[in-house]
PDB file of N, CA and C in Angstrom:
ATOM      1  N   MET A   1      55.030  51.840  68.701  1.00  0.00           N
ATOM      2  CA  MET A   1      54.789  51.417  67.768  1.00  0.00           C
ATOM      3  C   MET A   1      53.871  50.007  67.945  1.00  0.00           C
ATOM      4  N   ARG A   2      52.538  50.212  66.748  1.00  0.00           N
ATOM      5  CA  ARG A   2      51.716  48.898  66.562  1.00  0.00           C
ATOM      6  C   ARG A   2      52.059  48.093  65.093  1.00  0.00           C
ATOM      7  N   SER A   3      51.390  46.833  65.251  1.00  0.00           N
ATOM      8  CA  SER A   3      51.258  46.386  64.123  1.00  0.00           C
ATOM      9  C   SER A   3      49.533  45.803  64.037  1.00  0.00           C
ATOM     10  N   ASN A   4      49.264  45.689  62.943  1.00  0.00           N
ATOM     11  CA  ASN A   4      48.032  45.393  62.641  1.00  0.00           C
ATOM     12  C   ASN A   4      47.791  43.875  61.674  1.00  0.00           C
ATOM     13  N   ASP A   5      46.627  43.659  61.474  1.00  0.00           N
ATOM     14  CA  ASP A   5      46.238  42.620  60.646  1.00  0.00           C
ATOM     15  C   ASP A   5      46.745  42.651  59.418  1.00  0.00           C
ATOM     16  N   TYR A   6      46.936  43.618  58.896  1.00  0.00           N
ATOM     17  CA  TYR A   6      47.440  43.961  57.347  1.00  0.00           C
ATOM     18  C   TYR A   6      48.803  44.070  57.059  1.00  0.00           C
ATOM     19  N   ASN A   7      49.451  43.840  58.338  1.00  0.00           N
ATOM     20  CA  ASN A   7      51.016  44.022  58.154  1.00  0.00           C
ATOM     21  C   ASN A   7      51.332  45.453  57.970  1.00  0.00           C
ATOM     22  N   ILE A   8      50.763  46.400  58.557  1.00  0.00           N
ATOM     23  CA  ILE A   8      50.823  47.720  58.381  1.00  0.00           C
ATOM     24  C   ILE A   8      51.643  48.029  59.964  1.00  0.00           C
ATOM     25  N   ILE A   9      52.487  48.900  59.864  1.00  0.00           N
ATOM     26  CA  ILE A   9      53.338  49.432  61.368  1.00  0.00           C
ATOM     27  C   ILE A   9      52.724  50.850  61.329  1.00  0.00           C
ATOM     28  N   GLU A  10      52.399  51.069  62.340  1.00  0.00           N
ATOM     29  CA  GLU A  10      52.300  52.112  62.985  1.00  0.00           C
ATOM     30  C   GLU A  10      52.912  52.810  63.719  1.00  0.00           C
ATOM     31  N   LEU A  11      53.252  53.949  63.505  1.00  0.00           N
ATOM     32  CA  LEU A  11      54.212  54.904  64.609  1.00  0.00           C
ATOM     33  C   LEU A  11      53.360  55.862  65.248  1.00  0.00           C
ATOM     34  N   ASP A  12      53.765  55.981  66.852  1.00  0.00           N
ATOM     35  CA  ASP A  12      53.343  56.980  67.467  1.00  0.00           C
ATOM     36  C   ASP A  12      54.077  58.013  67.269  1.00  0.00           C
ATOM     37  N   VAL A  13      53.695  59.149  66.534  1.00  0.00           N
ATOM     38  CA  VAL A  13      54.359  60.161  66.151  1.00  0.00           C
ATOM     39  C   VAL A  13      53.590  61.464  66.440  1.00  0.00           C
ATOM     40  N   PRO A  14      53.978  62.266  67.562  1.00  0.00           N
ATOM     41  CA  PRO A  14      53.570  63.286  67.937  1.00  0.00           C
ATOM     42  C   PRO A  14      52.784  63.858  66.884  1.00  0.00           C
ATOM     43  N   LEU A  15      51.322  64.674  67.100  1.00  0.00           N
ATOM     44  CA  LEU A  15      50.534  65.401  66.178  1.00  0.00           C
ATOM     45  C   LEU A  15      51.732  66.393  65.323  1.00  0.00           C
ATOM     46  N   SER A  16      51.549  66.322  63.764  1.00  0.00           N
ATOM     47  CA  SER A  16      52.205  67.766  63.240  1.00  0.00           C
ATOM     48  C   SER A  16      51.486  67.584  62.221  1.00  0.00           C
ATOM     49  N   LYS A  17      51.817  68.580  61.486  1.00  0.00           N
ATOM     50  CA  LYS A  17      51.404  68.959  60.234  1.00  0.00           C
ATOM     51  C   LYS A  17      52.388  69.107  59.028  1.00  0.00           C
ATOM     52  N   VAL A  18      52.176  69.116  57.688  1.00  0.00           N
ATOM     53  CA  VAL A  18      52.753  69.173  56.573  1.00  0.00           C
ATOM     54  C   VAL A  18      52.486  70.417  55.554  1.00  0.00           C
ATOM     55  N   ILE A  19      53.558  71.164  55.560  1.00  0.00           N
ATOM     56  CA  ILE A  19      53.090  72.638  54.952  1.00  0.00           C
ATOM     57  C   ILE A  19      54.165  72.737  53.793  1.00  0.00           C
ATOM     58  N   SER A  20      53.980  73.575  53.186  1.00  0.00           N
ATOM     59  CA  SER A  20      54.864  73.825  52.115  1.00  0.00           C
ATOM     60  C   SER A  20      55.147  75.078  51.686  1.00  0.00           C
ATOM     61  N   ILE A  21      56.236  75.415  51.772  1.00  0.00           N
ATOM     62  CA  ILE A  21      56.948  76.645  51.882  1.00  0.00           C
ATOM     63  C   ILE A  21      57.857  76.885  50.319  1.00  0.00           C
ATOM     64  N   LYS A  22      57.813  78.497  50.032  1.00  0.00           N
ATOM     65  CA  LYS A  22      58.911  78.704  48.987  1.00  0.00           C
ATOM     66  C   LYS A  22      60.204  79.552  49.483  1.00  0.00           C
ATOM     67  N   ILE A  23      61.359  78.973  49.331  1.00  0.00           N
ATOM     68  CA  ILE A  23      62.387  79.676  49.124  1.00  0.00           C
ATOM     69  C   ILE A  23      63.096  79.467  48.187  1.00  0.00           C
ATOM     70  N   ASP A  24      64.294  80.564  48.064  1.00  0.00           N
ATOM     71  CA  ASP A  24      64.935  80.756  46.601  1.00  0.00           C
ATOM     72  C   ASP A  24      65.981  79.629  46.739  1.00  0.00           C
ATOM     73  N   THR A  25      66.309  79.224  45.783  1.00  0.00           N
ATOM     74  CA  THR A  25      67.379  78.133  45.255  1.00  0.00           C
ATOM     75  C   THR A  25      68.769  78.288  46.125  1.00  0.00           C
ATOM     76  N   GLU A  26      69.380  79.467  46.664  1.00  0.00           N
ATOM     77  CA  GLU A  26      70.523  79.355  47.275  1.00  0.00           C
ATOM     78  C   GLU A  26      70.129  79.272  48.738  1.00  0.00           C
ATOM     79  N   THR A  27      69.038  79.795  49.145  1.00  0.00           N
ATOM     80  CA  THR A  27      68.704  79.446  50.433  1.00  0.00           C
ATOM     81  C   THR A  27      68.425  77.755  50.624  1.00  0.00           C
ATOM     82  N   LEU A  28      67.920  77.404  49.437  1.00  0.00           N
ATOM     83  CA  LEU A  28      67.717  75.654  50.086  1.00  0.00           C
ATOM     84  C   LEU A  28      69.048  74.863  49.622  1.00  0.00           C
ATOM     85  N   LYS A  29      70.392  76.087  48.940  1.00  0.00           N
ATOM     86  CA  LYS A  29      71.660  74.920  48.952  1.00  0.00           C
ATOM     87  C   LYS A  29      71.954  75.117  50.367  1.00  0.00           C
ATOM     88  N   GLU A  30      71.893  76.346  50.826  1.00  0.00           N
ATOM     89  CA  GLU A  30      72.591  76.966  52.097  1.00  0.00           C
ATOM     90  C   GLU A  30      71.988  75.955  53.287  1.00  0.00           C
ATOM     91  N   THR A  31      71.236  75.448  52.978  1.00  0.00           N
ATOM     92  CA  THR A  31      69.942  74.764  53.939  1.00  0.00           C
ATOM     93  C   THR A  31      70.390  73.336  54.022  1.00  0.00           C
ATOM     94  N   ASP A  32      71.074  72.859  52.665  1.00  0.00           N
ATOM     95  CA  ASP A  32      71.224  71.698  52.479  1.00  0.00           C
ATOM     96  C   ASP A  32      72.680  71.334  53.133  1.00  0.00           C
ATOM     97  N   ILE A  33      73.206  72.062  52.499  1.00  0.00           N
ATOM     98  CA  ILE A  33      74.592  71.932  53.502  1.00  0.00           C
ATOM     99  C   ILE A  33      75.061  72.306  54.893  1.00  0.00           C
ATOM    100  N   ILE A  34      74.185  73.262  55.485  1.00  0.00           N
ATOM    101  CA  ILE A  34      74.408  73.351  57.270  1.00  0.00           C
ATOM    102  C   ILE A  34      73.793  72.129  57.660  1.00  0.00           C
ATOM    103  N   TYR A  35      72.410  71.585  57.429  1.00  0.00           N
ATOM    104  CA  TYR A  35      71.819  70.643  57.921  1.00  0.00           C
ATOM    105  C   TYR A  35      72.691  68.812  57.869  1.00  0.00           C
ATOM    106  N   ARG A  36      73.141  69.204  56.786  1.00  0.00           N
ATOM    107  CA  ARG A  36      74.432  67.779  56.696  1.00  0.00           C
ATOM    108  C   ARG A  36      75.696  68.220  57.686  1.00  0.00           C
ATOM    109  N   LYS A  37      76.287  69.243  57.648  1.00  0.00           N
ATOM    110  CA  LYS A  37      77.478  69.858  58.108  1.00  0.00           C
ATOM    111  C   LYS A  37      77.109  69.953  59.954  1.00  0.00           C
ATOM    112  N   ARG A  38      76.253  70.046  60.247  1.00  0.00           N
ATOM    113  CA  ARG A  38      75.694  70.498  61.640  1.00  0.00           C
ATOM    114  C   ARG A  38      74.823  69.243  62.492  1.00  0.00           C
ATOM    115  N   GLY A  39      74.839  67.978  61.583  1.00  0.00           N
ATOM    116  CA  GLY A  39      74.450  66.773  62.307  1.00  0.00           C
ATOM    117  C   GLY A  39      72.617  66.842  62.690  1.00  0.00           C
ATOM    118  N   PHE A  40      72.208  67.444  61.265  1.00  0.00           N
ATOM    119  CA  PHE A  40      70.588  67.578  61.583  1.00  0.00           C
ATOM    120  C   PHE A  40      70.538  66.269  60.626  1.00  0.00           C
ATOM    121  N   ARG A  41      69.254  65.162  61.081  1.00  0.00           N
ATOM    122  CA  ARG A  41      68.818  64.108  60.199  1.00  0.00           C
ATOM    123  C   ARG A  41      68.513  64.607  58.676  1.00  0.00           C
ATOM    124  N   SER A  42      67.652  65.518  58.724  1.00  0.00           N
ATOM    125  CA  SER A  42      67.068  66.317  57.662  1.00  0.00           C
ATOM    126  C   SER A  42      66.878  67.597  57.149  1.00  0.00           C
ATOM    127  N   ARG A  43      66.643  68.026  56.681  1.00  0.00           N
ATOM    128  CA  ARG A  43      66.605  69.699  55.930  1.00  0.00           C
ATOM    129  C   ARG A  43      65.234  69.940  56.754  1.00  0.00           C
ATOM    130  N   SER A  44      64.099  69.298  57.024  1.00  0.00           N
ATOM    131  CA  SER A  44      62.859  69.115  57.803  1.00  0.00           C
ATOM    132  C   SER A  44      63.539  69.558  59.516  1.00  0.00           C
ATOM    133  N   GLU A  45      64.166  68.678  59.992  1.00  0.00           N
ATOM    134  CA  GLU A  45      64.449  68.952  61.312  1.00  0.00           C
ATOM    135  C   GLU A  45      65.494  70.375  61.717  1.00  0.00           C
ATOM    136  N   LEU A  46      66.114  70.724  60.576  1.00  0.00           N
ATOM    137  CA  LEU A  46      66.825  72.062  60.623  1.00  0.00           C
ATOM    138  C   LEU A  46      65.465  73.099  60.868  1.00  0.00           C
ATOM    139  N   ILE A  47      64.821  73.175  59.578  1.00  0.00           N
ATOM    140  CA  ILE A  47      63.703  74.264  59.703  1.00  0.00           C
ATOM    141  C   ILE A  47      63.219  73.936  60.698  1.00  0.00           C
ATOM    142  N   ARG A  48      62.253  72.788  60.975  1.00  0.00           N
ATOM    143  CA  ARG A  48      61.310  72.801  62.449  1.00  0.00           C
ATOM    144  C   ARG A  48      62.038  73.460  63.475  1.00  0.00           C
ATOM    145  N   GLU A  49      63.734  73.149  64.096  1.00  0.00           N
ATOM    146  CA  GLU A  49      64.227  73.800  64.994  1.00  0.00           C
ATOM    147  C   GLU A  49      64.694  75.342  64.675  1.00  0.00           C
ATOM    148  N   ALA A  50      64.733  75.680  63.465  1.00  0.00           N
ATOM    149  CA  ALA A  50      64.984  77.273  63.251  1.00  0.00           C
ATOM    150  C   ALA A  50      63.614  77.968  63.641  1.00  0.00           C
ATOM    151  N   ILE A  51      62.662  77.318  62.819  1.00  0.00           N
ATOM    152  CA  ILE A  51      60.818  77.551  63.188  1.00  0.00           C
ATOM    153  C   ILE A  51      61.012  78.055  64.884  1.00  0.00           C
ATOM    154  N   ALA A  52      61.233  77.001  65.861  1.00  0.00           N
ATOM    155  CA  ALA A  52      60.950  77.106  66.905  1.00  0.00           C
ATOM    156  C   ALA A  52      61.623  78.007  68.060  1.00  0.00           C
ATOM    157  N   PHE A  53      62.954  78.351  67.455  1.00  0.00           N
ATOM    158  CA  PHE A  53      64.084  78.881  67.622  1.00  0.00           C
ATOM    159  C   PHE A  53      63.756  80.388  67.396  1.00  0.00           C
ATOM    160  N   TYR A  54      63.348  80.965  66.195  1.00  0.00           N
ATOM    161  CA  TYR A  54      63.012  82.080  65.938  1.00  0.00           C
ATOM    162  C   TYR A  54      61.504  82.718  66.627  1.00  0.00           C
ATOM    163  N   ILE A  55      60.530  81.602  66.697  1.00  0.00           N
ATOM    164  CA  ILE A  55      59.147  81.775  67.676  1.00  0.00           C
ATOM    165  C   ILE A  55      59.543  82.147  69.317  1.00  0.00           C
ATOM    166  N   GLU A  56      60.307  81.685  69.872  1.00  0.00           N
ATOM    167  CA  GLU A  56      61.217  81.877  71.286  1.00  0.00           C
ATOM    168  C   GLU A  56      61.574  83.153  71.413  1.00  0.00           C
ATOM    169  N   LEU A  57      62.596  83.756  69.959  1.00  0.00           N
ATOM    170  CA  LEU A  57      62.950  85.149  69.937  1.00  0.00           C
ATOM    171  C   LEU A  57      61.933  86.212  69.753  1.00  0.00           C
ATOM    172  N   LEU A  58      60.864  85.731  69.127  1.00  0.00           N
ATOM    173  CA  LEU A  58      59.529  86.578  68.646  1.00  0.00           C
ATOM    174  C   LEU A  58      58.664  86.801  70.030  1.00  0.00           C
ATOM    175  N   LYS A  59      58.666  85.669  71.013  1.00  0.00           N
ATOM    176  CA  LYS A  59      57.958  86.006  72.148  1.00  0.00           C
ATOM    177  C   LYS A  59      58.696  87.144  73.079  1.00  0.00           C
ATOM    178  N   ARG A  60      59.996  87.403  72.843  1.00  0.00           N
ATOM    179  CA  ARG A  60      60.618  88.082  73.789  1.00  0.00           C
ATOM    180  C   ARG A  60      60.970  89.379  73.204  1.00  0.00           C
ATOM    181  N   TYR A  61      61.385  89.735  72.190  1.00  0.00           N
ATOM    182  CA  TYR A  61      61.511  90.783  71.084  1.00  0.00           C
ATOM    183  C   TYR A  61      60.878  90.608  69.787  1.00  0.00           C
ATOM    184  N   ASP A  62      60.628  92.168  69.264  1.00  0.00           N
ATOM    185  CA  ASP A  62      60.218  92.692  68.126  1.00  0.00           C
ATOM    186  C   ASP A  62      60.882  92.089  67.128  1.00  0.00           C
ATOM    187  N   ARG A  63      60.508  92.172  65.957  1.00  0.00           N
ATOM    188  CA  ARG A  63      61.584  91.840  64.746  1.00  0.00           C
ATOM    189  C   ARG A  63      62.440  92.396  64.612  1.00  0.00           C
ATOM    190  N   GLU A  64      62.462  93.884  64.608  1.00  0.00           N
ATOM    191  CA  GLU A  64      63.563  94.937  64.529  1.00  0.00           C
ATOM    192  C   GLU A  64      64.693  94.661  65.798  1.00  0.00           C
ATOM    193  N   GLU A  65      63.998  94.452  66.780  1.00  0.00           N
ATOM    194  CA  GLU A  65      65.115  93.874  67.827  1.00  0.00           C
ATOM    195  C   GLU A  65      65.941  92.988  67.535  1.00  0.00           C
ATOM    196  N   ILE A  66      65.264  91.882  67.020  1.00  0.00           N
ATOM    197  CA  ILE A  66      66.174  90.795  66.677  1.00  0.00           C
ATOM    198  C   ILE A  66      67.099  91.068  65.492  1.00  0.00           C
ATOM    199  N   ARG A  67      66.693  92.180  64.627  1.00  0.00           N
ATOM    200  CA  ARG A  67      67.227  92.279  63.476  1.00  0.00           C
ATOM    201  C   ARG A  67      68.572  92.915  64.035  1.00  0.00           C
ATOM    202  N   ARG A  68      68.548  93.956  64.959  1.00  0.00           N
ATOM    203  CA  ARG A  68      69.618  94.365  65.251  1.00  0.00           C
ATOM    204  C   ARG A  68      70.476  93.998  66.254  1.00  0.00           C
ATOM    205  N   ILE A  69      69.998  92.707  66.904  1.00  0.00           N
ATOM    206  CA  ILE A  69      70.621  91.859  67.927  1.00  0.00           C
ATOM    207  C   ILE A  69      71.551  90.746  66.671  1.00  0.00           C
ATOM    208  N   ILE A  70      70.989  90.725  65.783  1.00  0.00           N
ATOM    209  CA  ILE A  70      72.080  89.628  65.183  1.00  0.00           C
ATOM    210  C   ILE A  70      72.751  90.664  64.458  1.00  0.00           C
ATOM    211  N   HIS A  71      72.440  91.318  63.806  1.00  0.00           N
ATOM    212  CA  HIS A  71      73.363  92.187  62.810  1.00  0.00           C
ATOM    213  C   HIS A  71      74.641  92.543  64.080  1.00  0.00           C
ATOM    214  N   THR A  72      74.537  92.893  65.439  1.00  0.00           N
ATOM    215  CA  THR A  72      75.484  93.357  66.117  1.00  0.00           C
ATOM    216  C   THR A  72      76.282  92.078  66.587  1.00  0.00           C
ATOM    217  N   VAL A  73      75.746  90.783  67.161  1.00  0.00           N
ATOM    218  CA  VAL A  73      76.314  89.741  67.342  1.00  0.00           C
ATOM    219  C   VAL A  73      77.222  89.467  66.241  1.00  0.00           C
ATOM    220  N   PHE A  74      76.689  88.916  64.860  1.00  0.00           N
ATOM    221  CA  PHE A  74      76.991  88.509  63.916  1.00  0.00           C
ATOM    222  C   PHE A  74      77.927  89.311  62.774  1.00  0.00           C
ATOM    223  N   ASP A  75      77.733  90.918  62.827  1.00  0.00           N
ATOM    224  CA  ASP A  75      77.955  91.418  62.032  1.00  0.00           C
ATOM    225  C   ASP A  75      77.585  91.123  60.386  1.00  0.00           C
ATOM    226  N   VAL A  76      76.315  90.628  60.274  1.00  0.00           N
ATOM    227  CA  VAL A  76      75.632  90.395  59.075  1.00  0.00           C
ATOM    228  C   VAL A  76      75.159  91.359  58.384  1.00  0.00           C
ATOM    229  N   GLU A  77      74.872  91.640  56.953  1.00  0.00           N
ATOM    230  CA  GLU A  77      74.063  92.439  56.498  1.00  0.00           C
ATOM    231  C   GLU A  77      72.386  92.067  56.906  1.00  0.00           C
ATOM    232  N   ASP A  78      71.270  92.836  56.359  1.00  0.00           N
ATOM    233  CA  ASP A  78      70.000  92.637  56.971  1.00  0.00           C
ATOM    234  C   ASP A  78      69.734  91.256  56.110  1.00  0.00           C
ATOM    235  N   LEU A  79      69.168  90.310  56.565  1.00  0.00           N
ATOM    236  CA  LEU A  79      68.729  89.196  56.431  1.00  0.00           C
ATOM    237  C   LEU A  79      67.270  89.043  55.880  1.00  0.00           C
ATOM    238  N   THR A  80      66.549  90.663  55.792  1.00  0.00           N
ATOM    239  CA  THR A  80      65.316  90.293  55.052  1.00  0.00           C
ATOM    240  C   THR A  80      65.333  90.839  53.786  1.00  0.00           C
ATOM    241  N   LYS A  81      66.834  91.067  53.087  1.00  0.00           N
ATOM    242  CA  LYS A  81      67.152  91.258  51.962  1.00  0.00           C
ATOM    243  C   LYS A  81      66.820  90.597  51.073  1.00  0.00           C
ATOM    244  N   LYS A  82      66.194  90.414  49.839  1.00  0.00           N
ATOM    245  CA  LYS A  82      66.301  89.288  48.761  1.00  0.00           C
ATOM    246  C   LYS A  82      67.617  89.000  48.487  1.00  0.00           C
ATOM    247  N   ARG A  83      67.612  87.858  47.577  1.00  0.00           N
ATOM    248  CA  ARG A  83      69.152  87.457  47.696  1.00  0.00           C
ATOM    249  C   ARG A  83      68.993  87.439  45.841  1.00  0.00           C
TER     250      ARG A  83
END
């Protein structure tokens, strides 16, 4: 953290980009409930972690394999269906 002559505090933050995404209202509501319930500091933190986790899965398995694994382990319906 640095301060300059203009009383502006600069934080040393790892390089990151801000992006926009569109998600349906129900998914947003679920995201807000889960990030609070599971101890995330923000919805962004939850989404960043979820993306990082999914990317690691995609390095090992194709999308269909991931869907089969999730369906088998959690007995959930197809996650790709629109709500």
